[in-house]
Amino acid sequence: KKFFTLRVARHWNRLPREAVDAPSLEMFKARLDEALGNLV
């Protein structure tokens, strides 16, 4: 069986360090939006 945490960990580890280390949820969302926007 695949647990949620195992499925999500791979994606979390691929996130840019700037997003992961964000000091707040708002900053995380902003940095994640920026990182995902750069992929498209």
C-alpha atoms as a PDB file:
ATOM      1  CA  LYS A   1       0.000   0.000   0.000  1.00  0.00           C
ATOM      2  CA  LYS A   2       1.119   3.515  -0.648  1.00  0.00           C
ATOM      3  CA  PHE A   3       0.697   5.859   2.241  1.00  0.00           C
ATOM      4  CA  PHE A   4      -0.030   9.546   1.766  1.00  0.00           C
ATOM      5  CA  THR A   5       3.233  10.581   3.400  1.00  0.00           C
ATOM      6  CA  LEU A   6       5.298   8.403   1.084  1.00  0.00           C
ATOM      7  CA  ARG A   7       3.557   9.772  -2.004  1.00  0.00           C
ATOM      8  CA  VAL A   8       3.890  13.391  -0.889  1.00  0.00           C
ATOM      9  CA  ALA A   9       7.496  13.209   0.325  1.00  0.00           C
ATOM     10  CA  ARG A  10       8.853  12.827  -3.209  1.00  0.00           C
ATOM     11  CA  HIS A  11       7.064  15.987  -4.350  1.00  0.00           C
ATOM     12  CA  TRP A  12       7.973  17.915  -1.188  1.00  0.00           C
ATOM     13  CA  ASN A  13      11.652  17.072  -1.664  1.00  0.00           C
ATOM     14  CA  ARG A  14      11.534  18.466  -5.199  1.00  0.00           C
ATOM     15  CA  LEU A  15      10.267  21.876  -4.086  1.00  0.00           C
ATOM     16  CA  PRO A  16      12.703  24.776  -4.240  1.00  0.00           C
ATOM     17  CA  ARG A  17      14.492  25.392  -0.953  1.00  0.00           C
ATOM     18  CA  GLU A  18      13.236  29.008  -0.898  1.00  0.00           C
ATOM     19  CA  ALA A  19       9.633  27.796  -0.738  1.00  0.00           C
ATOM     20  CA  VAL A  20      10.262  25.100   1.855  1.00  0.00           C
ATOM     21  CA  ASP A  21      12.153  27.486   4.141  1.00  0.00           C
ATOM     22  CA  ALA A  22       9.489  30.203   3.947  1.00  0.00           C
ATOM     23  CA  PRO A  23       8.784  31.730   7.370  1.00  0.00           C
ATOM     24  CA  SER A  24       5.003  31.794   6.935  1.00  0.00           C
ATOM     25  CA  LEU A  25       2.233  30.088   5.014  1.00  0.00           C
ATOM     26  CA  GLU A  26       1.636  33.220   2.950  1.00  0.00           C
ATOM     27  CA  MET A  27       5.290  33.378   1.931  1.00  0.00           C
ATOM     28  CA  PHE A  28       5.269  29.653   1.158  1.00  0.00           C
ATOM     29  CA  LYS A  29       2.264  30.087  -1.135  1.00  0.00           C
ATOM     30  CA  ALA A  30       3.809  33.073  -2.900  1.00  0.00           C
ATOM     31  CA  ARG A  31       7.118  31.305  -3.438  1.00  0.00           C
ATOM     32  CA  LEU A  32       5.394  28.124  -4.557  1.00  0.00           C
ATOM     33  CA  ASP A  33       3.295  30.068  -7.078  1.00  0.00           C
ATOM     34  CA  GLU A  34       6.472  31.657  -8.404  1.00  0.00           C
ATOM     35  CA  ALA A  35       8.271  28.312  -8.671  1.00  0.00           C
ATOM     36  CA  LEU A  36       5.342  26.626 -10.406  1.00  0.00           C
ATOM     37  CA  GLY A  37       4.935  29.570 -12.756  1.00  0.00           C
ATOM     38  CA  ASN A  38       8.534  29.138 -13.861  1.00  0.00           C
ATOM     39  CA  LEU A  39       7.801  25.551 -14.888  1.00  0.00           C
ATOM     40  CA  VAL A  40       5.165  26.538 -17.427  1.00  0.00           C
END
